[in-house]
C-alpha atoms as a PDB file:
ATOM      1  CA  MET A   1     -93.180  12.970-111.559  1.00  0.00           C
ATOM      2  CA  LYS A   2     -96.983  12.698-111.407  1.00  0.00           C
ATOM      3  CA  LYS A   3     -96.942  10.451-114.455  1.00  0.00           C
ATOM      4  CA  LEU A   4     -94.352   8.173-112.846  1.00  0.00           C
ATOM      5  CA  MET A   5     -96.340   8.027-109.592  1.00  0.00           C
ATOM      6  CA  PHE A   6     -99.469   7.044-111.492  1.00  0.00           C
ATOM      7  CA  MET A   7     -97.699   4.347-113.491  1.00  0.00           C
ATOM      8  CA  VAL A   8     -96.243   2.822-110.349  1.00  0.00           C
ATOM      9  CA  TYR A   9     -99.695   2.966-108.727  1.00  0.00           C
ATOM     10  CA  THR A  10    -101.407   1.286-111.671  1.00  0.00           C
ATOM     11  CA  ALA A  11     -98.694  -1.353-112.066  1.00  0.00           C
ATOM     12  CA  LEU A  12     -99.046  -2.296-108.419  1.00  0.00           C
ATOM     13  CA  LEU A  13    -102.814  -2.217-108.677  1.00  0.00           C
ATOM     14  CA  PHE A  14    -102.824  -4.935-111.311  1.00  0.00           C
ATOM     15  CA  ALA A  15     -99.912  -6.983-110.039  1.00  0.00           C
ATOM     16  CA  VAL A  16    -100.601 -10.713-109.931  1.00  0.00           C
ATOM     17  CA  THR A  17    -101.472 -11.744-106.403  1.00  0.00           C
ATOM     18  CA  PRO A  18    -102.526 -15.211-105.233  1.00  0.00           C
ATOM     19  CA  THR A  19    -105.306 -14.535-102.740  1.00  0.00           C
ATOM     20  CA  VAL A  20    -107.416 -11.915-101.056  1.00  0.00           C
ATOM     21  CA  LYS A  21    -106.028 -13.041 -97.697  1.00  0.00           C
ATOM     22  CA  ALA A  22    -102.541 -11.696 -98.440  1.00  0.00           C
ATOM     23  CA  GLN A  23    -101.061  -9.289 -95.943  1.00  0.00           C
ATOM     24  CA  TRP A  24    -101.059  -5.733 -97.316  1.00  0.00           C
ATOM     25  CA  VAL A  25     -99.406  -2.537 -96.267  1.00  0.00           C
ATOM     26  CA  VAL A  26    -102.664  -0.736 -95.556  1.00  0.00           C
ATOM     27  CA  THR A  27    -101.271   2.737 -96.262  1.00  0.00           C
ATOM     28  CA  ASP A  28    -100.581   1.829 -99.908  1.00  0.00           C
ATOM     29  CA  PRO A  29    -103.616   2.686-102.107  1.00  0.00           C
ATOM     30  CA  SER A  30    -102.507   0.217-104.773  1.00  0.00           C
ATOM     31  CA  ASN A  31    -102.577  -2.642-102.266  1.00  0.00           C
ATOM     32  CA  LEU A  32    -106.015  -1.603-101.061  1.00  0.00           C
ATOM     33  CA  ALA A  33    -107.273  -1.449-104.633  1.00  0.00           C
ATOM     34  CA  GLN A  34    -105.825  -4.866-105.432  1.00  0.00           C
ATOM     35  CA  GLY A  35    -107.509  -6.226-102.314  1.00  0.00           C
ATOM     36  CA  ILE A  36    -110.884  -5.066-103.656  1.00  0.00           C
ATOM     37  CA  VAL A  37    -110.203  -6.588-107.072  1.00  0.00           C
ATOM     38  CA  ASN A  38    -109.149  -9.899-105.509  1.00  0.00           C
ATOM     39  CA  THR A  39    -112.235  -9.931-103.312  1.00  0.00           C
ATOM     40  CA  ALA A  40    -114.542  -9.365-106.292  1.00  0.00           C
ATOM     41  CA  ARG A  41    -112.849 -12.112-108.274  1.00  0.00           C
ATOM     42  CA  GLN A  42    -113.054 -14.543-105.396  1.00  0.00           C
ATOM     43  CA  ILE A  43    -116.742 -13.744-104.884  1.00  0.00           C
ATOM     44  CA  VAL A  44    -117.366 -14.525-108.560  1.00  0.00           C
ATOM     45  CA  GLN A  45    -115.380 -17.750-108.315  1.00  0.00           C
ATOM     46  CA  THR A  46    -117.240 -18.812-105.185  1.00  0.00           C
ATOM     47  CA  SER A  47    -120.598 -17.983-106.761  1.00  0.00           C
ATOM     48  CA  THR A  48    -119.949 -19.939-109.935  1.00  0.00           C
ATOM     49  CA  THR A  49    -118.722 -23.086-108.178  1.00  0.00           C
ATOM     50  CA  ALA A  50    -121.831 -23.491-106.031  1.00  0.00           C
ATOM     51  CA  THR A  51    -123.140 -26.895-105.058  1.00  0.00           C
ATOM     52  CA  ASN A  52    -125.415 -25.678-102.291  1.00  0.00           C
ATOM     53  CA  MET A  53    -126.847 -22.177-102.536  1.00  0.00           C
ATOM     54  CA  ILE A  54    -127.108 -21.502 -98.802  1.00  0.00           C
ATOM     55  CA  ASN A  55    -123.640 -22.789 -97.938  1.00  0.00           C
ATOM     56  CA  ASN A  56    -122.236 -21.097-101.012  1.00  0.00           C
ATOM     57  CA  PHE A  57    -123.616 -17.706-100.056  1.00  0.00           C
ATOM     58  CA  LYS A  58    -122.133 -18.101 -96.585  1.00  0.00           C
ATOM     59  CA  GLU A  59    -118.753 -18.458 -98.294  1.00  0.00           C
ATOM     60  CA  VAL A  60    -119.484 -15.406-100.457  1.00  0.00           C
ATOM     61  CA  GLN A  61    -120.282 -13.401 -97.316  1.00  0.00           C
ATOM     62  CA  LYS A  62    -117.084 -14.609 -95.704  1.00  0.00           C
ATOM     63  CA  VAL A  63    -115.009 -13.492 -98.693  1.00  0.00           C
ATOM     64  CA  TYR A  64    -116.761 -10.120 -98.761  1.00  0.00           C
ATOM     65  CA  ASN A  65    -116.251  -9.530 -95.032  1.00  0.00           C
ATOM     66  CA  GLN A  66    -112.563 -10.408 -95.322  1.00  0.00           C
ATOM     67  CA  GLY A  67    -112.104  -7.882 -98.120  1.00  0.00           C
ATOM     68  CA  LYS A  68    -114.281  -5.089 -96.764  1.00  0.00           C
ATOM     69  CA  GLU A  69    -111.389  -3.490 -94.889  1.00  0.00           C
ATOM     70  CA  TYR A  70    -109.707  -2.738 -98.214  1.00  0.00           C
ATOM     71  CA  TYR A  71    -112.866  -1.062 -99.501  1.00  0.00           C
ATOM     72  CA  ASP A  72    -113.324   1.055 -96.356  1.00  0.00           C
ATOM     73  CA  LYS A  73    -109.691   2.140 -96.238  1.00  0.00           C
ATOM     74  CA  LEU A  74    -109.450   2.950 -99.942  1.00  0.00           C
ATOM     75  CA  LYS A  75    -112.530   5.185 -99.628  1.00  0.00           C
ATOM     76  CA  ALA A  76    -110.658   7.185 -96.990  1.00  0.00           C
ATOM     77  CA  VAL A  77    -107.599   7.821 -99.197  1.00  0.00           C
ATOM     78  CA  ASN A  78    -107.611  11.426-100.437  1.00  0.00           C
ATOM     79  CA  ASN A  79    -104.026  12.402-101.263  1.00  0.00           C
ATOM     80  CA  LEU A  80    -103.918  11.023-104.799  1.00  0.00           C
ATOM     81  CA  VAL A  81    -102.962  12.678-108.063  1.00  0.00           C
ATOM     82  CA  LYS A  82    -105.841  13.241-110.489  1.00  0.00           C
ATOM     83  CA  ASP A  83    -105.238  10.117-112.602  1.00  0.00           C
ATOM     84  CA  ALA A  84    -104.928   7.825-109.618  1.00  0.00           C
ATOM     85  CA  ARG A  85    -108.017   9.333-107.989  1.00  0.00           C
ATOM     86  CA  LYS A  86    -110.128   8.349-111.007  1.00  0.00           C
ATOM     87  CA  VAL A  87    -108.680   4.840-110.863  1.00  0.00           C
ATOM     88  CA  GLN A  88    -109.566   4.768-107.166  1.00  0.00           C
ATOM     89  CA  GLN A  89    -113.162   5.750-107.956  1.00  0.00           C
ATOM     90  CA  THR A  90    -113.383   3.045-110.603  1.00  0.00           C
ATOM     91  CA  VAL A  91    -112.166   0.337-108.238  1.00  0.00           C
ATOM     92  CA  LEU A  92    -114.523   1.572-105.525  1.00  0.00           C
ATOM     93  CA  LEU A  93    -117.448   1.110-107.932  1.00  0.00           C
ATOM     94  CA  VAL A  94    -116.483  -2.561-108.208  1.00  0.00           C
ATOM     95  CA  GLY A  95    -116.413  -2.701-104.416  1.00  0.00           C
ATOM     96  CA  ASP A  96    -119.895  -1.160-104.381  1.00  0.00           C
ATOM     97  CA  VAL A  97    -121.162  -3.849-106.751  1.00  0.00           C
ATOM     98  CA  SER A  98    -119.870  -6.524-104.372  1.00  0.00           C
ATOM     99  CA  GLU A  99    -121.569  -4.779-101.462  1.00  0.00           C
ATOM    100  CA  ILE A 100    -124.907  -4.413-103.282  1.00  0.00           C
ATOM    101  CA  TYR A 101    -124.788  -8.101-104.189  1.00  0.00           C
ATOM    102  CA  VAL A 102    -123.964  -9.410-100.715  1.00  0.00           C
ATOM    103  CA  LYS A 103    -126.265  -7.145 -98.713  1.00  0.00           C
ATOM    104  CA  ASN A 104    -129.333  -7.492-100.915  1.00  0.00           C
ATOM    105  CA  PHE A 105    -129.016 -11.152-101.834  1.00  0.00           C
ATOM    106  CA  GLY A 106    -128.694 -11.951 -98.139  1.00  0.00           C
ATOM    107  CA  LYS A 107    -132.127 -10.385 -97.666  1.00  0.00           C
ATOM    108  CA  MET A 108    -133.530 -12.173-100.702  1.00  0.00           C
ATOM    109  CA  MET A 109    -132.466 -15.479 -99.173  1.00  0.00           C
ATOM    110  CA  ASN A 110    -134.930 -14.718 -96.373  1.00  0.00           C
ATOM    111  CA  ASP A 111    -137.694 -13.561 -98.707  1.00  0.00           C
ATOM    112  CA  PRO A 112    -140.507 -16.144 -99.055  1.00  0.00           C
ATOM    113  CA  ASN A 113    -141.558 -14.523-102.338  1.00  0.00           C
ATOM    114  CA  PHE A 114    -138.594 -16.126-104.131  1.00  0.00           C
ATOM    115  CA  ASN A 115    -138.173 -19.849-104.697  1.00  0.00           C
ATOM    116  CA  ALA A 116    -134.842 -21.678-104.819  1.00  0.00           C
ATOM    117  CA  GLN A 117    -134.676 -21.666-108.606  1.00  0.00           C
ATOM    118  CA  GLU A 118    -135.278 -17.930-108.754  1.00  0.00           C
ATOM    119  CA  LEU A 119    -132.654 -17.263-106.092  1.00  0.00           C
ATOM    120  CA  SER A 120    -130.106 -19.293-108.046  1.00  0.00           C
ATOM    121  CA  ALA A 121    -130.883 -17.247-111.150  1.00  0.00           C
ATOM    122  CA  ILE A 122    -130.559 -13.981-109.207  1.00  0.00           C
ATOM    123  CA  ALA A 123    -127.225 -15.054-107.691  1.00  0.00           C
ATOM    124  CA  ASN A 124    -125.989 -15.975-111.159  1.00  0.00           C
ATOM    125  CA  GLY A 125    -127.064 -12.567-112.464  1.00  0.00           C
ATOM    126  CA  TYR A 126    -125.142 -10.785-109.742  1.00  0.00           C
ATOM    127  CA  SER A 127    -122.087 -12.936-110.404  1.00  0.00           C
ATOM    128  CA  ILE A 128    -122.131 -12.158-114.125  1.00  0.00           C
ATOM    129  CA  LEU A 129    -122.452  -8.411-113.558  1.00  0.00           C
ATOM    130  CA  LEU A 130    -119.703  -8.391-110.943  1.00  0.00           C
ATOM    131  CA  ASN A 131    -117.422 -10.394-113.207  1.00  0.00           C
ATOM    132  CA  GLU A 132    -118.009  -8.031-116.143  1.00  0.00           C
ATOM    133  CA  SER A 133    -117.273  -5.042-113.910  1.00  0.00           C
ATOM    134  CA  THR A 134    -114.023  -6.592-112.725  1.00  0.00           C
ATOM    135  CA  GLU A 135    -112.930  -7.623-116.213  1.00  0.00           C
ATOM    136  CA  LEU A 136    -113.183  -4.020-117.383  1.00  0.00           C
ATOM    137  CA  LEU A 137    -110.377  -3.065-115.004  1.00  0.00           C
ATOM    138  CA  LYS A 138    -107.964  -5.086-117.122  1.00  0.00           C
ATOM    139  CA  GLU A 139    -108.198  -2.388-119.758  1.00  0.00           C
ATOM    140  CA  LEU A 140    -106.248  -0.080-117.488  1.00  0.00           C
ATOM    141  CA  LYS A 141    -103.216  -2.352-117.851  1.00  0.00           C
ATOM    142  CA  GLN A 142    -102.493  -0.944-121.277  1.00  0.00           C
ATOM    143  CA  ILE A 143    -101.492   2.336-119.663  1.00  0.00           C
ATOM    144  CA  VAL A 144     -98.309   0.786-118.275  1.00  0.00           C
ATOM    145  CA  ASN A 145     -97.406  -1.372-121.286  1.00  0.00           C
ATOM    146  CA  ALA A 146     -94.077  -0.512-122.869  1.00  0.00           C
ATOM    147  CA  SER A 147     -95.817   0.550-126.073  1.00  0.00           C
ATOM    148  CA  THR A 148     -97.899   3.160-124.277  1.00  0.00           C
ATOM    149  CA  LEU A 149     -95.321   4.798-122.030  1.00  0.00           C
ATOM    150  CA  SER A 150     -95.396   7.815-124.333  1.00  0.00           C
ATOM    151  CA  LEU A 151     -99.075   8.524-123.683  1.00  0.00           C
ATOM    152  CA  ASN A 152     -99.725  12.138-122.820  1.00  0.00           C
ATOM    153  CA  ASP A 153    -101.973  13.190-119.965  1.00  0.00           C
ATOM    154  CA  LYS A 154    -105.073  13.573-122.159  1.00  0.00           C
ATOM    155  CA  GLU A 155    -104.660  10.171-123.794  1.00  0.00           C
ATOM    156  CA  ARG A 156    -104.131   8.517-120.439  1.00  0.00           C
ATOM    157  CA  MET A 157    -107.161  10.216-118.897  1.00  0.00           C
ATOM    158  CA  ASP A 158    -109.299   9.304-121.922  1.00  0.00           C
ATOM    159  CA  ILE A 159    -108.562   5.623-121.291  1.00  0.00           C
ATOM    160  CA  ILE A 160    -109.268   5.951-117.569  1.00  0.00           C
ATOM    161  CA  ASP A 161    -112.462   7.921-118.163  1.00  0.00           C
ATOM    162  CA  GLY A 162    -113.677   5.322-120.655  1.00  0.00           C
ATOM    163  CA  VAL A 163    -113.173   2.462-118.203  1.00  0.00           C
ATOM    164  CA  TYR A 164    -114.770   4.477-115.407  1.00  0.00           C
ATOM    165  CA  LYS A 165    -117.880   5.174-117.490  1.00  0.00           C
ATOM    166  CA  GLU A 166    -118.262   1.497-118.443  1.00  0.00           C
ATOM    167  CA  VAL A 167    -117.849   0.319-114.853  1.00  0.00           C
ATOM    168  CA  LYS A 168    -120.325   3.005-113.763  1.00  0.00           C
ATOM    169  CA  GLU A 169    -122.848   1.625-116.253  1.00  0.00           C
ATOM    170  CA  TYR A 170    -122.489  -1.844-114.748  1.00  0.00           C
ATOM    171  CA  HIS A 171    -122.821  -0.353-111.280  1.00  0.00           C
ATOM    172  CA  ASN A 172    -126.082   1.297-112.311  1.00  0.00           C
ATOM    173  CA  LEU A 173    -127.225  -1.941-113.932  1.00  0.00           C
ATOM    174  CA  VAL A 174    -126.632  -3.837-110.682  1.00  0.00           C
ATOM    175  CA  ARG A 175    -128.719  -1.297-108.800  1.00  0.00           C
ATOM    176  CA  TYR A 176    -131.487  -1.634-111.399  1.00  0.00           C
ATOM    177  CA  PHE A 177    -131.250  -5.435-111.270  1.00  0.00           C
ATOM    178  CA  THR A 178    -131.565  -5.308-107.480  1.00  0.00           C
ATOM    179  CA  ASN A 179    -134.548  -2.957-107.476  1.00  0.00           C
ATOM    180  CA  LYS A 180    -136.255  -4.933-110.223  1.00  0.00           C
ATOM    181  CA  ASN A 181    -136.026  -8.149-108.230  1.00  0.00           C
ATOM    182  CA  ILE A 182    -137.261  -6.446-105.070  1.00  0.00           C
ATOM    183  CA  SER A 183    -140.178  -5.017-107.028  1.00  0.00           C
ATOM    184  CA  VAL A 184    -141.148  -8.559-108.066  1.00  0.00           C
ATOM    185  CA  SER A 185    -141.213  -9.559-104.417  1.00  0.00           C
ATOM    186  CA  TYR A 186    -143.231  -6.489-103.496  1.00  0.00           C
ATOM    187  CA  LEU A 187    -145.859  -7.093-106.171  1.00  0.00           C
ATOM    188  CA  ARG A 188    -146.210 -10.716-105.107  1.00  0.00           C
ATOM    189  CA  ALA A 189    -146.518  -9.665-101.476  1.00  0.00           C
ATOM    190  CA  LYS A 190    -149.027  -6.965-102.357  1.00  0.00           C
ATOM    191  CA  LYS A 191    -151.172  -9.513-104.164  1.00  0.00           C
ATOM    192  CA  ALA A 192    -151.140 -11.600-100.970  1.00  0.00           C
ATOM    193  CA  ASN A 193    -151.880  -8.516 -98.814  1.00  0.00           C
ATOM    194  CA  ASN A 194    -148.468  -8.815 -97.179  1.00  0.00           C
ATOM    195  CA  SER A 195    -146.510  -5.930 -98.684  1.00  0.00           C
ATOM    196  CA  GLN A 196    -145.406  -4.592 -95.297  1.00  0.00           C
ATOM    197  CA  ARG A 197    -143.233  -7.641 -94.826  1.00  0.00           C
ATOM    198  CA  VAL A 198    -141.253  -6.732 -97.925  1.00  0.00           C
ATOM    199  CA  LEU A 199    -140.888  -3.135 -96.780  1.00  0.00           C
ATOM    200  CA  ASP A 200    -139.676  -4.333 -93.398  1.00  0.00           C
ATOM    201  CA  LEU A 201    -137.140  -6.638 -95.034  1.00  0.00           C
ATOM    202  CA  TYR A 202    -135.637  -4.277 -97.592  1.00  0.00           C
ATOM    203  CA  GLY A 203    -136.595  -0.880 -96.191  1.00  0.00           C
ATOM    204  CA  THR A 204    -137.856   2.053 -98.211  1.00  0.00           C
ATOM    205  CA  ALA A 205    -134.659   4.141 -98.059  1.00  0.00           C
ATOM    206  CA  ASP A 206    -134.893   7.227-100.282  1.00  0.00           C
ATOM    207  CA  GLN A 207    -136.245   5.421-103.317  1.00  0.00           C
ATOM    208  CA  LYS A 208    -138.970   3.013-104.304  1.00  0.00           C
ATOM    209  CA  TYR A 209    -138.344  -0.348-105.875  1.00  0.00           C
ATOM    210  CA  TRP A 210    -141.425  -0.281-108.091  1.00  0.00           C
END
């Protein structure tokens, strides 16, 4: 029964859907997960079709804000079987990557220590990392292929764990990428005796960027 529930969940998670704006049944974890995946894909698409960086990022923010409800609601789902819970955590990591991108790049757009060319490069970096994170989720499809219906629990969890670890690595890389860019701004500001402005913009949180 648990195996069947998980297969149904995963099949729905990776069902083909046309747009992030589709109306979901919000109590269905698979629909929430698919909403996050669609949002990430649309953010990547919007980022890579930019003609004007400022207007483009406004569209990215709009996409993110439209999909955030899926992320918030999926985080609150607790009554999942073990396999599905790990899938949930993996999808949430992709949602985190989207959030890190949108929140921090929005601040970088207001940071005088970056020029337009650098901001374009940073946005492209975020887009690539988000796209790679999202693409990894496709590997979970093999769990519900006809040729793999005989997978036992260990084999199935090995696949899920492998995808989770890879997505986690990209999540960590996005955090590093963010902190590295902020550290560049801080060092430039420090050289100009204006480091407090950077601290005020990004905050110190519980970690340092340099």
